[in-house]
Amino acid sequence: MTGKKKNEIWAVILSIVVILEMILSPCQVAYASTPKSSNKKTSQTKAVQEEEAYTVKVTDSKQQPIKGAKISYEIYTDATGESVKENVLNLSVMTDAEGTAKILPISTLQKQDSEVYYRITEISAYGYEVYKDEEVQVVNAENVLTERDFVLSETKVSLTGRVTNQSDNTPLEGALVTAGEESTYTNENGDYTILLFFNTEYEMVFSMDGFESATTKFTITGQNSKCNAKLTKSPVYDPNFIFETENPETIIYGTNDNKFSNPAISAVGTEISVKYAITEEKNTDGKDADVAEIDEKTGEVTIKKAGTVKVEATRAGDEEYDETKISYTLTILKANQTGVKFKEQSPKDCYLVDLKNKGYTNILEGGESSGTVIYKIIEGQDFATIDKVTGKLTFNKAGKIVVEGTKAGDDCYESQSAAYSITTLKKNQTDGAFKF
């Protein structure tokens, strides 16, 4: 058989393989349908052919598979790539969900000719840069079953969307759309177009004077990706709505009969509807407590105990302004108790013998708190003991004793102390004589 005749036969075989590849499934398994009676044999043939097929894999920069990438290639007569192999058409395959594609003609020709020469003319997918082989690739028995990997870089594609008014769905012209370092404005129809990298998450920010900004996360995943936004009109607050005293000074419990007034006002001559409320109350320990109450119409605060009170005034909305809220914080300190003293402020010196058996009691009086009184000896502990509840002294030797009494504080008053001193003396012995 002549060389020319042999080449013609191989060309016919290769053409048949190519035609079958184009007709059959996207997986490009080179086989034809067979009767049901030969299903088992056909399945085995499929498995063998798929397993032995030359495979390429396409992923993105994040190593995620790219589905639907189109791979176009040519097969040549030799490694120079100057002549396309006779009767072999320009071929293309599509990657599956795993980003892989099997090229059966390469595997088939390698078995026949030992070596196959091919070049990928283009790998393309929406949102990615195109890849092209610069040199002819050689496939032989050593690498025919080796998967060839490609990484496509994301490229910028157009993202479109519309920005509308939340209240009536009308388009907003001139709204600013920002995504990373890219930005654009909406047209008269509220539409915009912005170039962003495919398959990359962006924080989309939509803003416009007179409206609240809107932010959302968005990733372009397909050719028809859209990112719409609805903006809510910004409220217009009354700038002249203020309290008579913006930052009230700290007051002491009991001041002005525990009444405090700080009304809210607006522009001169403007009649407004205002409602007052206490929004936060803390005692002096920083815990929630019932510190005060307020007249919701006048804003007058009635103080119940020491602590802090946050007062909020709400101006009703009207044709000119939206509902406006302002607030102030009032701090109330505990008051000092008054009139705390001992019943006998300066007890006279006494003879020990006169008090030793009956003791001595001096009561602490006065004070406004509801706290209890506690007594203690602060000087002369060797000369007497004291009942800390009743204040009764029991003497055991002569000397000076200083007693302190403390009336505990409460939610309104600080604790208050007072002291007194008492001295017990030794009594002189009476006159006597020795007897012999």
Protein backbone atom coordinates (compact mmCIF):
# COMPACT_ATOMS: atom_id res chain seq x y z
CA MET A 1 0.00 0.00 0.00
CA THR A 2 1.42 3.38 -1.00
CA GLY A 3 2.02 6.17 1.52
CA LYS A 4 -0.55 8.35 -0.19
CA LYS A 5 -3.18 5.65 0.05
CA LYS A 6 -2.40 5.09 3.72
CA ASN A 7 -2.80 8.81 4.51
CA GLU A 8 -6.17 8.84 2.77
CA ILE A 9 -7.41 5.95 4.93
CA TRP A 10 -6.30 7.70 8.16
CA ALA A 11 -7.99 10.87 7.02
CA VAL A 12 -11.27 9.04 6.52
CA ILE A 13 -11.05 7.48 10.01
CA LEU A 14 -10.30 10.81 11.63
CA SER A 15 -13.18 12.50 9.80
CA ILE A 16 -15.57 9.86 11.11
CA VAL A 17 -14.38 10.49 14.69
CA VAL A 18 -14.82 14.25 14.28
CA ILE A 19 -18.33 13.90 12.83
CA LEU A 20 -19.39 11.63 15.67
CA GLU A 21 -17.95 14.09 18.23
CA MET A 22 -19.98 16.99 16.80
CA ILE A 23 -23.22 14.99 16.61
CA LEU A 24 -23.20 13.34 19.99
CA SER A 25 -23.47 14.74 23.54
CA PRO A 26 -21.48 17.75 24.93
CA CYS A 27 -19.35 15.27 26.80
CA GLN A 28 -17.96 14.33 23.38
CA VAL A 29 -17.99 10.57 23.81
CA ALA A 30 -17.21 9.12 20.41
CA TYR A 31 -19.81 6.41 20.07
CA ALA A 32 -23.19 5.91 18.41
CA SER A 33 -26.52 4.70 19.82
CA THR A 34 -26.99 0.97 19.83
CA PRO A 35 -30.00 -1.27 20.24
CA LYS A 36 -31.18 -2.07 23.76
CA SER A 37 -29.76 -5.53 23.51
CA SER A 38 -26.23 -4.07 23.44
CA ASN A 39 -26.68 -1.43 26.16
CA LYS A 40 -24.27 -3.15 28.55
CA LYS A 41 -21.52 -3.36 25.97
CA THR A 42 -22.08 0.25 24.92
CA SER A 43 -21.85 1.47 28.52
CA GLN A 44 -18.55 -0.29 28.95
CA THR A 45 -17.30 1.29 25.73
CA LYS A 46 -18.37 4.74 26.97
CA ALA A 47 -16.52 4.27 30.27
CA VAL A 48 -13.35 3.20 28.55
CA GLN A 49 -13.47 6.05 26.05
CA GLU A 50 -14.22 8.71 28.70
CA GLU A 51 -11.52 7.39 30.99
CA GLU A 52 -8.93 7.46 28.23
CA ALA A 53 -9.96 10.82 26.77
CA TYR A 54 -7.57 13.76 26.76
CA THR A 55 -8.94 16.18 29.42
CA VAL A 56 -8.60 19.87 30.13
CA LYS A 57 -9.90 21.76 33.16
CA VAL A 58 -10.75 25.46 33.38
CA THR A 59 -10.96 27.34 36.71
CA ASP A 60 -11.06 30.96 37.82
CA SER A 61 -8.57 32.85 39.97
CA LYS A 62 -10.25 31.46 43.09
CA GLN A 63 -9.74 27.88 41.82
CA GLN A 64 -13.47 27.52 41.23
CA PRO A 65 -14.53 25.54 38.11
CA ILE A 66 -15.90 27.52 35.19
CA LYS A 67 -18.93 25.89 33.60
CA GLY A 68 -19.72 26.54 29.93
CA ALA A 69 -16.27 27.74 28.90
CA LYS A 70 -15.80 27.24 25.16
CA ILE A 71 -12.53 25.56 24.16
CA SER A 72 -11.59 25.85 20.46
CA TYR A 73 -8.57 23.98 19.09
CA GLU A 74 -6.80 22.86 15.89
CA ILE A 75 -4.87 19.66 15.14
CA TYR A 76 -1.76 19.87 12.93
CA THR A 77 0.34 17.53 10.83
CA ASP A 78 3.52 18.28 12.79
CA ALA A 79 4.91 20.33 15.65
CA THR A 80 5.41 23.44 13.52
CA GLY A 81 1.66 24.08 13.39
CA GLU A 82 2.01 25.32 9.84
CA SER A 83 -0.39 22.80 8.32
CA VAL A 84 -3.74 21.68 9.69
CA LYS A 85 -4.19 17.93 9.54
CA GLU A 86 -6.16 16.92 6.47
CA ASN A 87 -9.90 16.43 6.86
CA VAL A 88 -9.84 17.70 10.47
CA LEU A 89 -12.19 20.61 11.14
CA ASN A 90 -11.70 23.41 13.67
CA LEU A 91 -13.24 21.90 16.78
CA SER A 92 -14.64 23.22 20.05
CA VAL A 93 -15.93 21.72 23.28
CA MET A 94 -17.73 23.12 26.35
CA THR A 95 -16.71 22.55 29.95
CA ASP A 96 -19.13 20.80 32.31
CA ALA A 97 -20.14 21.75 35.86
CA GLU A 98 -16.74 20.60 37.10
CA GLY A 99 -14.99 22.86 34.63
CA THR A 100 -13.66 19.90 32.61
CA ALA A 101 -13.95 18.91 28.96
CA LYS A 102 -12.79 15.71 27.22
CA ILE A 103 -11.21 15.94 23.75
CA LEU A 104 -11.59 12.50 22.21
CA PRO A 105 -10.00 13.24 18.81
CA ILE A 106 -6.66 13.94 20.48
CA SER A 107 -6.78 10.65 22.37
CA THR A 108 -7.82 8.71 19.24
CA LEU A 109 -5.14 10.22 17.02
CA GLN A 110 -2.47 9.66 19.66
CA LYS A 111 -3.20 5.95 19.63
CA GLN A 112 -2.93 5.91 15.85
CA ASP A 113 0.03 8.21 15.27
CA SER A 114 1.88 7.99 18.64
CA GLU A 115 2.04 11.80 18.74
CA VAL A 116 -0.60 14.46 18.20
CA TYR A 117 0.07 18.15 17.56
CA TYR A 118 -2.57 20.66 18.57
CA ARG A 119 -3.07 24.21 19.73
CA ILE A 120 -5.89 25.78 21.70
CA THR A 121 -6.95 28.71 19.59
CA GLU A 122 -9.23 30.13 22.26
CA ILE A 123 -10.78 29.46 25.65
CA SER A 124 -13.55 31.93 26.31
CA ALA A 125 -16.24 32.39 28.97
CA TYR A 126 -18.41 35.34 29.90
CA GLY A 127 -16.68 37.51 32.46
CA TYR A 128 -13.19 36.13 31.90
CA GLU A 129 -10.18 37.04 29.80
CA VAL A 130 -9.63 34.94 26.66
CA TYR A 131 -6.81 32.37 26.66
CA LYS A 132 -4.84 31.32 23.57
CA ASP A 133 -1.97 28.86 23.19
CA GLU A 134 1.15 30.56 21.89
CA GLU A 135 2.81 27.30 20.89
CA VAL A 136 1.76 23.96 19.43
CA GLN A 137 1.29 21.31 22.12
CA VAL A 138 2.56 17.76 21.70
CA VAL A 139 0.56 14.84 23.11
CA ASN A 140 2.11 11.40 23.35
CA ALA A 141 1.72 8.23 25.41
CA GLU A 142 3.30 9.92 28.45
CA ASN A 143 0.89 12.82 28.76
CA VAL A 144 -2.25 11.78 26.89
CA LEU A 145 -4.05 11.01 30.16
CA THR A 146 -2.63 13.99 32.03
CA GLU A 147 -5.24 16.68 32.73
CA ARG A 148 -4.23 20.08 31.41
CA ASP A 149 -5.31 22.93 33.68
CA PHE A 150 -6.14 26.52 32.73
CA VAL A 151 -6.85 29.52 34.97
CA LEU A 152 -8.87 32.36 33.49
CA SER A 153 -8.68 35.81 35.04
CA GLU A 154 -11.89 37.66 35.72
CA THR A 155 -12.53 40.68 33.53
CA LYS A 156 -14.86 43.63 33.90
CA VAL A 157 -18.40 43.30 32.61
CA SER A 158 -21.41 45.59 32.62
CA LEU A 159 -23.77 45.59 35.58
CA THR A 160 -27.05 47.39 35.10
CA GLY A 161 -29.82 48.40 37.46
CA ARG A 162 -32.41 51.00 38.36
CA VAL A 163 -32.77 53.30 41.37
CA THR A 164 -36.28 54.36 42.39
CA ASN A 165 -38.14 56.21 45.14
CA GLN A 166 -39.32 53.80 47.83
CA SER A 167 -42.58 55.68 48.41
CA ASP A 168 -43.96 55.85 44.85
CA ASN A 169 -41.50 53.78 42.74
CA THR A 170 -40.63 56.75 40.53
CA PRO A 171 -37.14 56.69 38.95
CA LEU A 172 -34.43 58.82 40.57
CA GLU A 173 -32.18 60.73 38.18
CA GLY A 174 -28.69 61.65 39.36
CA ALA A 175 -28.39 59.02 42.09
CA LEU A 176 -24.76 58.08 42.78
CA VAL A 177 -23.92 54.38 42.44
CA THR A 178 -20.62 53.29 44.00
CA ALA A 179 -18.95 49.86 43.95
CA GLY A 180 -15.42 49.76 45.29
CA GLU A 181 -13.43 52.35 43.33
CA GLU A 182 -16.00 52.51 40.53
CA SER A 183 -18.92 54.93 40.46
CA THR A 184 -21.55 56.30 38.10
CA TYR A 185 -24.86 58.20 38.09
CA THR A 186 -28.36 57.20 37.07
CA ASN A 187 -29.98 58.71 33.97
CA GLU A 188 -33.41 60.31 33.62
CA ASN A 189 -35.00 56.85 33.82
CA GLY A 190 -33.15 55.96 37.01
CA ASP A 191 -30.99 53.45 35.10
CA TYR A 192 -27.25 52.99 35.40
CA THR A 193 -24.45 50.88 33.93
CA ILE A 194 -21.18 50.22 35.70
CA LEU A 195 -18.17 48.07 34.79
CA LEU A 196 -17.20 45.60 37.51
CA PHE A 197 -15.17 42.42 37.72
CA PHE A 198 -17.16 39.27 37.08
CA ASN A 199 -17.72 36.82 39.97
CA THR A 200 -16.40 39.35 42.51
CA GLU A 201 -18.40 40.54 45.51
CA TYR A 202 -18.90 44.29 45.79
CA GLU A 203 -20.51 46.51 48.38
CA MET A 204 -22.97 48.54 46.33
CA VAL A 205 -23.80 51.96 47.76
CA PHE A 206 -26.68 54.04 46.39
CA SER A 207 -26.97 57.67 47.53
CA MET A 208 -28.73 60.89 46.62
CA ASP A 209 -29.32 64.24 48.28
CA GLY A 210 -32.57 64.20 50.22
CA PHE A 211 -32.63 60.39 50.51
CA GLU A 212 -31.25 57.82 52.92
CA SER A 213 -28.33 55.85 51.44
CA ALA A 214 -28.82 52.14 50.70
CA THR A 215 -26.08 49.49 50.83
CA THR A 216 -26.08 45.89 49.62
CA LYS A 217 -23.62 43.12 48.76
CA PHE A 218 -23.69 42.00 45.12
CA THR A 219 -21.78 39.61 42.84
CA ILE A 220 -22.16 39.46 39.05
CA THR A 221 -22.78 35.82 38.23
CA GLY A 222 -24.28 35.98 34.74
CA GLN A 223 -24.88 38.09 31.65
CA ASN A 224 -28.26 39.34 32.85
CA SER A 225 -27.27 40.31 36.40
CA LYS A 226 -29.09 43.37 37.70
CA CYS A 227 -28.82 45.26 40.97
CA ASN A 228 -31.77 47.55 41.68
CA ALA A 229 -32.24 49.82 44.68
CA LYS A 230 -35.02 51.76 46.35
CA LEU A 231 -34.16 54.89 48.33
CA THR A 232 -36.21 56.28 51.20
CA LYS A 233 -36.62 60.03 51.42
CA SER A 234 -34.60 61.51 54.27
CA PRO A 235 -36.68 63.04 57.08
CA VAL A 236 -36.55 66.83 57.48
CA TYR A 237 -36.15 67.72 61.15
CA ASP A 238 -36.95 71.04 62.81
CA PRO A 239 -33.53 72.66 63.46
CA ASN A 240 -35.05 75.23 65.83
CA PHE A 241 -36.62 72.64 68.14
CA ILE A 242 -34.51 72.84 71.33
CA PHE A 243 -34.75 72.75 75.13
CA GLU A 244 -34.53 76.02 77.05
CA THR A 245 -31.43 74.53 78.73
CA GLU A 246 -29.58 72.15 76.47
CA ASN A 247 -27.36 70.65 79.22
CA PRO A 248 -28.93 71.16 82.67
CA GLU A 249 -26.58 71.40 85.65
CA THR A 250 -26.49 68.69 88.29
CA ILE A 251 -29.03 69.24 91.08
CA ILE A 252 -29.30 68.00 94.68
CA TYR A 253 -32.21 65.88 95.81
CA GLY A 254 -34.79 68.10 97.50
CA THR A 255 -34.00 71.18 95.39
CA ASN A 256 -37.12 73.18 94.49
CA ASP A 257 -39.30 70.63 96.29
CA ASN A 258 -37.98 67.98 93.85
CA LYS A 259 -39.57 69.66 90.85
CA PHE A 260 -37.60 70.39 87.65
CA SER A 261 -38.83 72.05 84.48
CA ASN A 262 -37.01 72.42 81.14
CA PRO A 263 -39.56 72.95 78.34
CA ALA A 264 -38.82 72.44 74.64
CA ILE A 265 -39.37 75.36 72.28
CA SER A 266 -39.25 76.01 68.54
CA ALA A 267 -39.07 79.13 66.37
CA VAL A 268 -40.69 82.24 67.81
CA GLY A 269 -44.38 82.41 66.99
CA THR A 270 -44.61 78.77 65.91
CA GLU A 271 -47.29 76.70 67.55
CA ILE A 272 -46.13 73.12 67.92
CA SER A 273 -47.40 69.99 69.58
CA VAL A 274 -44.87 68.51 72.00
CA LYS A 275 -45.03 65.35 74.07
CA TYR A 276 -42.56 64.51 76.85
CA ALA A 277 -41.38 61.16 78.17
CA ILE A 278 -38.66 59.67 80.35
CA THR A 279 -36.75 57.18 78.21
CA GLU A 280 -34.04 56.09 80.67
CA GLU A 281 -33.61 56.05 84.47
CA LYS A 282 -30.62 54.89 86.52
CA ASN A 283 -29.93 55.04 90.26
CA THR A 284 -26.58 56.15 91.67
CA ASP A 285 -25.25 52.59 91.24
CA GLY A 286 -26.04 52.69 87.53
CA LYS A 287 -28.92 50.25 87.77
CA ASP A 288 -32.38 50.71 86.29
CA ALA A 289 -34.65 52.38 88.82
CA ASP A 290 -37.77 54.47 89.22
CA VAL A 291 -35.99 57.80 89.68
CA ALA A 292 -38.64 60.29 88.54
CA GLU A 293 -41.92 60.82 86.71
CA ILE A 294 -42.85 63.43 84.12
CA ASP A 295 -45.89 65.36 82.99
CA GLU A 296 -46.13 64.40 79.30
CA LYS A 297 -47.77 67.72 78.41
CA THR A 298 -45.66 70.25 80.34
CA GLY A 299 -42.42 68.28 80.71
CA GLU A 300 -42.21 68.98 84.46
CA VAL A 301 -40.13 66.30 86.22
CA THR A 302 -41.01 65.11 89.73
CA ILE A 303 -37.94 63.60 91.38
CA LYS A 304 -38.31 60.52 93.57
CA LYS A 305 -34.69 59.65 94.32
CA ALA A 306 -31.10 60.37 93.32
CA GLY A 307 -29.80 59.11 89.96
CA THR A 308 -29.95 60.11 86.29
CA VAL A 309 -32.97 60.71 84.09
CA LYS A 310 -33.07 61.02 80.29
CA VAL A 311 -35.97 63.16 79.11
CA GLU A 312 -37.14 63.10 75.49
CA ALA A 313 -39.36 65.68 73.82
CA THR A 314 -41.16 64.79 70.59
CA ARG A 315 -42.36 67.45 68.19
CA ALA A 316 -45.23 66.21 66.02
CA GLY A 317 -44.69 66.29 62.27
CA ASP A 318 -46.48 68.82 60.08
CA GLU A 319 -46.41 70.13 56.53
CA GLU A 320 -42.98 71.70 57.04
CA TYR A 321 -41.08 69.17 59.19
CA ASP A 322 -41.09 65.49 60.01
CA GLU A 323 -41.45 64.29 63.58
CA THR A 324 -38.46 65.61 65.53
CA LYS A 325 -37.04 64.26 68.80
CA ILE A 326 -34.60 65.90 71.20
CA SER A 327 -33.41 64.89 74.68
CA TYR A 328 -31.46 65.98 77.74
CA THR A 329 -30.04 64.14 80.76
CA LEU A 330 -30.61 65.32 84.32
CA THR A 331 -28.34 64.14 87.16
CA ILE A 332 -29.66 64.21 90.74
CA LEU A 333 -27.18 63.81 93.60
CA LYS A 334 -28.02 62.52 97.08
CA ALA A 335 -28.57 65.23 99.68
CA ASN A 336 -26.81 65.46 103.03
CA GLN A 337 -29.00 64.70 106.03
CA THR A 338 -29.68 67.50 108.47
CA GLY A 339 -29.98 67.57 112.25
CA VAL A 340 -27.99 64.41 112.89
CA LYS A 341 -26.66 64.70 116.47
CA PHE A 342 -26.61 62.95 119.80
CA LYS A 343 -29.28 63.72 122.35
CA GLU A 344 -26.54 64.68 124.83
CA GLN A 345 -23.89 66.32 122.72
CA SER A 346 -21.44 66.91 125.60
CA PRO A 347 -22.04 64.47 128.47
CA LYS A 348 -20.48 65.41 131.83
CA ASP A 349 -17.64 63.41 133.29
CA CYS A 350 -18.87 60.66 135.62
CA TYR A 351 -17.43 58.42 138.26
CA LEU A 352 -16.86 54.89 137.04
CA VAL A 353 -18.36 53.43 140.17
CA ASP A 354 -21.64 55.22 139.48
CA LEU A 355 -21.96 53.88 135.85
CA LYS A 356 -20.23 50.53 135.99
CA ASN A 357 -23.32 48.50 136.79
CA LYS A 358 -26.03 50.43 134.91
CA GLY A 359 -24.10 51.63 131.83
CA TYR A 360 -24.84 54.71 129.74
CA THR A 361 -26.97 55.29 126.60
CA ASN A 362 -26.91 58.38 124.38
CA ILE A 363 -29.24 58.24 121.33
CA LEU A 364 -28.37 59.61 117.82
CA GLU A 365 -31.26 61.74 116.56
CA GLY A 366 -32.27 63.61 113.38
CA GLY A 367 -31.68 62.92 109.71
CA GLU A 368 -34.14 62.40 106.86
CA SER A 369 -33.06 59.03 105.50
CA SER A 370 -34.82 55.76 106.18
CA GLY A 371 -31.50 54.14 107.10
CA THR A 372 -30.68 52.56 110.45
CA VAL A 373 -28.25 53.87 113.10
CA ILE A 374 -25.05 52.03 113.98
CA TYR A 375 -22.80 52.87 116.96
CA LYS A 376 -19.12 52.19 117.55
CA ILE A 377 -16.31 53.24 119.86
CA ILE A 378 -13.63 55.07 117.91
CA GLU A 379 -11.42 55.91 120.92
CA GLY A 380 -10.97 54.22 124.32
CA GLN A 381 -11.90 50.69 123.33
CA ASP A 382 -10.07 49.42 126.45
CA PHE A 383 -12.37 51.32 128.79
CA ALA A 384 -15.81 50.14 127.61
CA THR A 385 -17.85 48.12 125.11
CA ILE A 386 -20.88 49.28 123.14
CA ASP A 387 -24.06 47.72 121.75
CA LYS A 388 -23.86 48.72 118.05
CA VAL A 389 -27.65 48.80 117.73
CA THR A 390 -28.78 50.52 120.96
CA GLY A 391 -25.62 52.53 121.62
CA LYS A 392 -25.48 51.43 125.30
CA LEU A 393 -22.01 51.68 126.85
CA THR A 394 -20.79 49.14 129.41
CA PHE A 395 -17.73 50.35 131.36
CA ASN A 396 -14.90 48.25 132.72
CA LYS A 397 -12.28 50.83 133.74
CA ALA A 398 -11.91 54.57 134.03
CA GLY A 399 -10.88 56.61 130.97
CA LYS A 400 -11.97 58.74 128.02
CA ILE A 401 -14.29 57.12 125.45
CA VAL A 402 -15.33 58.58 122.05
CA VAL A 403 -18.48 57.15 120.43
CA GLU A 404 -19.52 57.62 116.82
CA GLY A 405 -23.05 57.10 115.56
CA THR A 406 -23.86 56.81 111.85
CA LYS A 407 -27.27 57.07 110.27
CA ALA A 408 -27.14 55.11 107.01
CA GLY A 409 -28.10 56.72 103.73
CA ASP A 410 -30.77 55.60 101.27
CA ASP A 411 -31.84 56.35 97.68
CA CYS A 412 -32.15 60.04 98.46
CA TYR A 413 -29.65 60.89 101.20
CA GLU A 414 -26.00 60.29 102.00
CA SER A 415 -25.08 58.62 105.30
CA GLN A 416 -24.35 61.05 108.15
CA SER A 417 -22.28 60.64 111.33
CA ALA A 418 -21.84 62.42 114.64
CA ALA A 419 -19.73 61.74 117.74
CA TYR A 420 -19.56 62.47 121.48
CA SER A 421 -17.06 61.76 124.23
CA ILE A 422 -17.50 60.75 127.83
CA THR A 423 -14.86 60.38 130.54
CA THR A 424 -15.18 58.12 133.59
CA LEU A 425 -13.14 58.94 136.68
CA LYS A 426 -11.92 57.00 139.66
CA LYS A 427 -13.60 58.08 142.88
CA ASN A 428 -11.44 59.05 145.88
CA GLN A 429 -11.53 56.66 148.82
CA THR A 430 -13.14 57.95 152.09
CA ASP A 431 -11.03 58.84 155.20
CA GLY A 432 -10.13 55.90 157.52
CA ALA A 433 -7.61 54.78 160.16
CA PHE A 434 -5.56 51.68 160.87
CA LYS A 435 -6.54 49.61 163.89
CA PHE A 436 -3.91 47.87 166.03
